[in-house]
């Protein structure tokens, strides 16, 4: 029996969703972003800043799987010939290694390389959707929208990294396509604390201009209670 509509206390107001029509989206929890030696570190970032996302996200992933929800994982990266990486992205900034260069985990942000893949702690299970995306947003140049529509998905619970870049872009893209988006505040992370705070505030501003924000505990309580009452 499907779980009826559930409600999560959130900012700016209650977020209502039906698990059967909701997907958990785990954005770019890749070695290249959250482990030493990857692209995040080449940009001068402290990758340990993102590690706090992993334990709460493991719990969210486990409970969402138990509830039978659709799970989507994304990976940002490019073809080996870099034909899908525009110069505006490839040449941006002053990293010690650029996209496509060889680093400790293989070629930086190249599909099929060790660093491009999702960390072991959050590895996809068989049958879960894995989206390889060349840009910041999960909908750009991917078939994500078609896959969600085919599964009857109308709401997204969004997690992953980084809050102000790929998470924000995906939420904005999802909002434009009509998806109701809940961002779990402790399951998204930034290299910059001030960006984390501002990024979350922007999502829920003006009555939820892009979506809702809540801690994972509120989401887990709603989902667990809903499962227990089946």
Foldseek 3Di string as FASTA:
>chain_A
DFFPWWWFQWPPGIDIDGQLQEEEEAEAQFLLQQPPWHPVVLLVFDSPQQVLLLPLVLVVVVLSVVNVHAYEYEFAAAALVCPLPDPVQQVPDDGPATQNDQIPQGGHRHPPTRRRAHDPSDHDDPPHHYWYDHALERPPPTCVVVVSVVSNHQEYEYAYDALQTSRLRNLQVSVVVRHAYEYALSRHHDSDPVSSVVSQCVCSPPNRPRHIYHHSVSVSVRSVVSVVVD
